[in-house]
Amino acid sequence: MRKEDLQPSDIEIKDATSADAEGIVDVLRTTWLATYPNEEYGITREDIEQRFDYSTPQAGERLTQYRERINRLPDEHEWLAKEGDRIVGWCFAKRGDENHIQTLYVLPRYQRRRIGERLLIAALDWIGPGKEVSLNIVSYNQNMGFYKRYGFVDMGKAEKNDFQPLPSGARFPENKMIKR
């Protein structure tokens, strides 16, 4: 695959900064609402909306803390996909004893344009070639095949849950995937 095939001219992949925090949260909220409501697991749109309600002092403090740590730690890195000034995708990875893709989200209307692929490749390149990489994925997420195309193998139920419980107490069922 040629590198130029991965770069739609209107989308730029760049490092995240503290000024991007609100745009990243918007990507999270929008993609979660499109992907995660699930009656079987008791995960509702309302629960997700509450999760991203930053009008309370506690939630505002979480946003401030997040803003202060974006790309400040040597073993964590965050990338954005931007169309002009709009953040349309986000990826967060960690490296060290365990190399882990923490998150990768692309706004629904921007999916299937290879933006997720470009974000994933940026993260894998940063982690380093030939290293084992893990990620957790919600078990009913329709994008599991995306990761399989890049060599990730579904290992079944994750022992450690990446997601915090939602305000209702509902938890996302997660599978662990590994690329060796």
C-alpha atoms as a PDB file:
ATOM      1  CA  MET A   1       0.000   0.000   0.000  1.00  0.00           C
ATOM      2  CA  ARG A   2       1.368   3.398  -0.945  1.00  0.00           C
ATOM      3  CA  LYS A   3       1.581   6.056   1.768  1.00  0.00           C
ATOM      4  CA  GLU A   4      -0.210   8.594  -0.441  1.00  0.00           C
ATOM      5  CA  ASP A   5      -3.209   6.220  -0.598  1.00  0.00           C
ATOM      6  CA  LEU A   6      -3.622   6.720   3.146  1.00  0.00           C
ATOM      7  CA  GLN A   7      -3.733  10.514   3.102  1.00  0.00           C
ATOM      8  CA  PRO A   8      -6.964  12.105   1.936  1.00  0.00           C
ATOM      9  CA  SER A   9      -5.950  15.693   1.192  1.00  0.00           C
ATOM     10  CA  ASP A  10      -8.603  17.205   3.459  1.00  0.00           C
ATOM     11  CA  ILE A  11      -7.619  15.302   6.650  1.00  0.00           C
ATOM     12  CA  GLU A  12      -4.443  15.974   8.627  1.00  0.00           C
ATOM     13  CA  ILE A  13      -3.014  13.671  11.328  1.00  0.00           C
ATOM     14  CA  LYS A  14      -1.239  15.649  14.036  1.00  0.00           C
ATOM     15  CA  ASP A  15      -0.273  15.550  17.692  1.00  0.00           C
ATOM     16  CA  ALA A  16      -2.951  16.569  20.178  1.00  0.00           C
ATOM     17  CA  THR A  17      -2.445  19.590  22.439  1.00  0.00           C
ATOM     18  CA  SER A  18      -4.168  20.825  25.577  1.00  0.00           C
ATOM     19  CA  ALA A  19      -6.230  23.195  23.418  1.00  0.00           C
ATOM     20  CA  ASP A  20      -7.842  20.136  21.770  1.00  0.00           C
ATOM     21  CA  ALA A  21      -9.470  18.707  24.924  1.00  0.00           C
ATOM     22  CA  GLU A  22     -13.034  19.893  24.213  1.00  0.00           C
ATOM     23  CA  GLY A  23     -12.866  18.728  20.578  1.00  0.00           C
ATOM     24  CA  ILE A  24     -11.627  15.305  21.689  1.00  0.00           C
ATOM     25  CA  VAL A  25     -14.506  15.035  24.172  1.00  0.00           C
ATOM     26  CA  ASP A  26     -16.924  15.920  21.342  1.00  0.00           C
ATOM     27  CA  VAL A  27     -15.504  13.079  19.215  1.00  0.00           C
ATOM     28  CA  LEU A  28     -15.864  10.696  22.170  1.00  0.00           C
ATOM     29  CA  ARG A  29     -19.429  11.725  22.942  1.00  0.00           C
ATOM     30  CA  THR A  30     -20.568  11.541  19.308  1.00  0.00           C
ATOM     31  CA  THR A  31     -18.936   8.179  18.587  1.00  0.00           C
ATOM     32  CA  TRP A  32     -20.100   6.658  21.876  1.00  0.00           C
ATOM     33  CA  LEU A  33     -23.688   7.711  21.137  1.00  0.00           C
ATOM     34  CA  ALA A  34     -23.456   6.154  17.671  1.00  0.00           C
ATOM     35  CA  THR A  35     -21.736   2.958  18.802  1.00  0.00           C
ATOM     36  CA  TYR A  36     -22.466   1.958  22.377  1.00  0.00           C
ATOM     37  CA  PRO A  37     -26.141   2.156  23.398  1.00  0.00           C
ATOM     38  CA  ASN A  38     -27.140  -1.461  23.991  1.00  0.00           C
ATOM     39  CA  GLU A  39     -30.334  -2.648  25.621  1.00  0.00           C
ATOM     40  CA  GLU A  40     -28.922  -6.085  26.471  1.00  0.00           C
ATOM     41  CA  TYR A  41     -26.171  -4.544  28.620  1.00  0.00           C
ATOM     42  CA  GLY A  42     -28.299  -1.707  30.013  1.00  0.00           C
ATOM     43  CA  ILE A  43     -26.250   0.976  28.265  1.00  0.00           C
ATOM     44  CA  THR A  44     -28.552   3.841  27.335  1.00  0.00           C
ATOM     45  CA  ARG A  45     -28.122   7.072  25.390  1.00  0.00           C
ATOM     46  CA  GLU A  46     -28.988   8.915  28.598  1.00  0.00           C
ATOM     47  CA  ASP A  47     -26.168   7.158  30.451  1.00  0.00           C
ATOM     48  CA  ILE A  48     -23.711   8.198  27.743  1.00  0.00           C
ATOM     49  CA  GLU A  49     -25.024  11.784  27.711  1.00  0.00           C
ATOM     50  CA  GLN A  50     -24.544  11.942  31.497  1.00  0.00           C
ATOM     51  CA  ARG A  51     -21.007  10.549  31.150  1.00  0.00           C
ATOM     52  CA  PHE A  52     -20.108  13.502  28.922  1.00  0.00           C
ATOM     53  CA  ASP A  53     -22.004  16.205  30.817  1.00  0.00           C
ATOM     54  CA  TYR A  54     -19.265  18.619  31.801  1.00  0.00           C
ATOM     55  CA  SER A  55     -21.573  21.130  33.488  1.00  0.00           C
ATOM     56  CA  THR A  56     -20.897  19.849  37.030  1.00  0.00           C
ATOM     57  CA  PRO A  57     -17.866  21.060  39.008  1.00  0.00           C
ATOM     58  CA  GLN A  58     -16.511  17.488  39.307  1.00  0.00           C
ATOM     59  CA  ALA A  59     -16.757  16.902  35.561  1.00  0.00           C
ATOM     60  CA  GLY A  60     -15.188  20.280  34.846  1.00  0.00           C
ATOM     61  CA  GLU A  61     -12.275  19.301  37.089  1.00  0.00           C
ATOM     62  CA  ARG A  62     -11.863  16.019  35.136  1.00  0.00           C
ATOM     63  CA  LEU A  63     -11.664  18.006  31.896  1.00  0.00           C
ATOM     64  CA  THR A  64      -9.077  20.387  33.390  1.00  0.00           C
ATOM     65  CA  GLN A  65      -6.947  17.460  34.602  1.00  0.00           C
ATOM     66  CA  TYR A  66      -7.191  15.787  31.187  1.00  0.00           C
ATOM     67  CA  ARG A  67      -6.248  19.006  29.384  1.00  0.00           C
ATOM     68  CA  GLU A  68      -3.149  19.343  31.590  1.00  0.00           C
ATOM     69  CA  ARG A  69      -1.837  15.862  30.784  1.00  0.00           C
ATOM     70  CA  ILE A  70      -2.352  15.676  26.985  1.00  0.00           C
ATOM     71  CA  ASN A  71       1.009  14.573  25.503  1.00  0.00           C
ATOM     72  CA  ARG A  72       2.918  15.505  28.642  1.00  0.00           C
ATOM     73  CA  LEU A  73       4.032  11.978  29.690  1.00  0.00           C
ATOM     74  CA  PRO A  74       6.817  10.252  27.735  1.00  0.00           C
ATOM     75  CA  ASP A  75       5.058   6.864  27.589  1.00  0.00           C
ATOM     76  CA  GLU A  76       1.665   8.209  26.414  1.00  0.00           C
ATOM     77  CA  HIS A  77       0.779   9.883  23.141  1.00  0.00           C
ATOM     78  CA  GLU A  78      -2.344  11.260  21.482  1.00  0.00           C
ATOM     79  CA  TRP A  79      -3.036  12.027  17.822  1.00  0.00           C
ATOM     80  CA  LEU A  80      -5.844  13.843  16.094  1.00  0.00           C
ATOM     81  CA  ALA A  81      -7.381  13.648  12.670  1.00  0.00           C
ATOM     82  CA  LYS A  82      -8.455  17.148  11.670  1.00  0.00           C
ATOM     83  CA  GLU A  83     -10.422  18.559   8.799  1.00  0.00           C
ATOM     84  CA  GLY A  84      -9.527  22.224   8.930  1.00  0.00           C
ATOM     85  CA  ASP A  85     -10.100  23.217  12.559  1.00  0.00           C
ATOM     86  CA  ARG A  86     -12.511  20.355  13.309  1.00  0.00           C
ATOM     87  CA  ILE A  87     -11.308  17.260  15.148  1.00  0.00           C
ATOM     88  CA  VAL A  88     -12.808  14.227  13.375  1.00  0.00           C
ATOM     89  CA  GLY A  89     -10.759  11.439  14.968  1.00  0.00           C
ATOM     90  CA  TRP A  90      -8.571  10.708  17.964  1.00  0.00           C
ATOM     91  CA  CYS A  91      -6.154   7.994  19.071  1.00  0.00           C
ATOM     92  CA  PHE A  92      -4.416   7.533  22.429  1.00  0.00           C
ATOM     93  CA  ALA A  93      -1.643   4.970  22.995  1.00  0.00           C
ATOM     94  CA  LYS A  94       0.720   3.922  25.782  1.00  0.00           C
ATOM     95  CA  ARG A  95       4.066   2.162  25.550  1.00  0.00           C
ATOM     96  CA  GLY A  96       6.280   0.519  28.100  1.00  0.00           C
ATOM     97  CA  ASP A  97       5.879  -2.803  29.902  1.00  0.00           C
ATOM     98  CA  GLU A  98       2.582  -3.174  28.052  1.00  0.00           C
ATOM     99  CA  ASN A  99       2.038  -1.399  24.753  1.00  0.00           C
ATOM    100  CA  HIS A 100      -1.635  -0.513  24.511  1.00  0.00           C
ATOM    101  CA  ILE A 101      -3.933   1.334  22.127  1.00  0.00           C
ATOM    102  CA  GLN A 102      -6.131   2.988  24.732  1.00  0.00           C
ATOM    103  CA  THR A 103      -8.623   4.569  22.332  1.00  0.00           C
ATOM    104  CA  LEU A 104      -9.241   5.126  18.648  1.00  0.00           C
ATOM    105  CA  TYR A 105     -12.393   6.944  17.533  1.00  0.00           C
ATOM    106  CA  VAL A 106     -13.474   8.522  14.254  1.00  0.00           C
ATOM    107  CA  LEU A 107     -16.700  10.482  13.885  1.00  0.00           C
ATOM    108  CA  PRO A 108     -19.312   8.307  12.139  1.00  0.00           C
ATOM    109  CA  ARG A 109     -19.618  10.457   9.015  1.00  0.00           C
ATOM    110  CA  TYR A 110     -15.815  10.319   8.552  1.00  0.00           C
ATOM    111  CA  GLN A 111     -15.492   6.549   8.888  1.00  0.00           C
ATOM    112  CA  ARG A 112     -14.477   4.380   5.963  1.00  0.00           C
ATOM    113  CA  ARG A 113     -12.130   7.078   4.683  1.00  0.00           C
ATOM    114  CA  ARG A 114      -8.971   5.422   6.090  1.00  0.00           C
ATOM    115  CA  ILE A 115      -8.717   7.961   8.908  1.00  0.00           C
ATOM    116  CA  GLY A 116      -8.793   5.234  11.570  1.00  0.00           C
ATOM    117  CA  GLU A 117      -6.109   3.393   9.631  1.00  0.00           C
ATOM    118  CA  ARG A 118      -3.875   6.461   9.591  1.00  0.00           C
ATOM    119  CA  LEU A 119      -4.360   7.010  13.341  1.00  0.00           C
ATOM    120  CA  LEU A 120      -3.653   3.339  14.097  1.00  0.00           C
ATOM    121  CA  ILE A 121      -0.510   3.362  11.939  1.00  0.00           C
ATOM    122  CA  ALA A 122       0.710   6.521  13.734  1.00  0.00           C
ATOM    123  CA  ALA A 123       0.254   4.752  17.083  1.00  0.00           C
ATOM    124  CA  LEU A 124       1.899   1.503  15.953  1.00  0.00           C
ATOM    125  CA  ASP A 125       4.844   3.428  14.470  1.00  0.00           C
ATOM    126  CA  TRP A 126       5.266   5.361  17.745  1.00  0.00           C
ATOM    127  CA  ILE A 127       5.174   2.137  19.799  1.00  0.00           C
ATOM    128  CA  GLY A 128       7.787   0.611  17.513  1.00  0.00           C
ATOM    129  CA  PRO A 129       8.000  -2.209  14.985  1.00  0.00           C
ATOM    130  CA  GLY A 130       7.712  -5.820  16.059  1.00  0.00           C
ATOM    131  CA  LYS A 131       6.385  -5.082  19.535  1.00  0.00           C
ATOM    132  CA  GLU A 132       3.337  -6.739  21.035  1.00  0.00           C
ATOM    133  CA  VAL A 133       0.408  -4.331  21.273  1.00  0.00           C
ATOM    134  CA  SER A 134      -2.923  -4.836  23.025  1.00  0.00           C
ATOM    135  CA  LEU A 135      -6.244  -3.060  23.008  1.00  0.00           C
ATOM    136  CA  ASN A 136      -9.629  -3.566  24.579  1.00  0.00           C
ATOM    137  CA  ILE A 137     -12.763  -3.320  22.471  1.00  0.00           C
ATOM    138  CA  VAL A 138     -16.414  -3.369  23.498  1.00  0.00           C
ATOM    139  CA  SER A 139     -17.516  -6.909  22.647  1.00  0.00           C
ATOM    140  CA  TYR A 140     -20.434  -5.812  20.451  1.00  0.00           C
ATOM    141  CA  ASN A 141     -18.477  -3.092  18.610  1.00  0.00           C
ATOM    142  CA  GLN A 142     -18.933  -3.602  14.866  1.00  0.00           C
ATOM    143  CA  ASN A 143     -15.362  -2.429  14.193  1.00  0.00           C
ATOM    144  CA  MET A 144     -13.570  -5.501  15.559  1.00  0.00           C
ATOM    145  CA  GLY A 145     -12.836  -6.578  11.964  1.00  0.00           C
ATOM    146  CA  PHE A 146     -10.902  -3.348  11.424  1.00  0.00           C
ATOM    147  CA  TYR A 147      -8.339  -4.359  14.037  1.00  0.00           C
ATOM    148  CA  LYS A 148      -8.188  -7.944  12.750  1.00  0.00           C
ATOM    149  CA  ARG A 149      -7.106  -6.577   9.348  1.00  0.00           C
ATOM    150  CA  TYR A 150      -4.046  -5.117  11.093  1.00  0.00           C
ATOM    151  CA  GLY A 151      -3.056  -8.359  12.785  1.00  0.00           C
ATOM    152  CA  PHE A 152      -4.910  -8.063  16.087  1.00  0.00           C
ATOM    153  CA  VAL A 153      -6.337 -11.341  17.399  1.00  0.00           C
ATOM    154  CA  ASP A 154      -9.422 -11.504  19.631  1.00  0.00           C
ATOM    155  CA  MET A 155      -8.320 -13.100  22.924  1.00  0.00           C
ATOM    156  CA  GLY A 156     -11.825 -13.150  24.437  1.00  0.00           C
ATOM    157  CA  LYS A 157     -13.075 -11.388  27.535  1.00  0.00           C
ATOM    158  CA  ALA A 158     -10.673  -8.763  28.900  1.00  0.00           C
ATOM    159  CA  GLU A 159      -9.502  -9.347  32.480  1.00  0.00           C
ATOM    160  CA  LYS A 160      -9.016  -5.616  33.058  1.00  0.00           C
ATOM    161  CA  ASN A 161     -11.718  -3.187  31.973  1.00  0.00           C
ATOM    162  CA  ASP A 162     -10.475   0.019  30.269  1.00  0.00           C
ATOM    163  CA  PHE A 163     -13.800   1.825  30.699  1.00  0.00           C
ATOM    164  CA  GLN A 164     -15.046   3.356  33.935  1.00  0.00           C
ATOM    165  CA  PRO A 165     -18.631   2.407  34.856  1.00  0.00           C
ATOM    166  CA  LEU A 166     -21.277   4.699  33.407  1.00  0.00           C
ATOM    167  CA  PRO A 167     -23.297   6.916  35.791  1.00  0.00           C
ATOM    168  CA  SER A 168     -25.964   4.177  36.096  1.00  0.00           C
ATOM    169  CA  GLY A 169     -23.295   1.644  37.083  1.00  0.00           C
ATOM    170  CA  ALA A 170     -23.547  -0.204  33.750  1.00  0.00           C
ATOM    171  CA  ARG A 171     -20.228  -1.476  32.405  1.00  0.00           C
ATOM    172  CA  PHE A 172     -19.132  -2.132  28.869  1.00  0.00           C
ATOM    173  CA  PRO A 173     -18.329  -5.781  28.122  1.00  0.00           C
ATOM    174  CA  GLU A 174     -14.805  -5.781  26.726  1.00  0.00           C
ATOM    175  CA  ASN A 175     -12.674  -8.191  24.750  1.00  0.00           C
ATOM    176  CA  LYS A 176      -8.901  -8.022  24.645  1.00  0.00           C
ATOM    177  CA  MET A 177      -7.153  -8.055  21.285  1.00  0.00           C
ATOM    178  CA  ILE A 178      -3.413  -8.562  20.799  1.00  0.00           C
ATOM    179  CA  LYS A 179      -1.080  -7.949  17.857  1.00  0.00           C
ATOM    180  CA  ARG A 180       2.177  -9.867  18.128  1.00  0.00           C
END
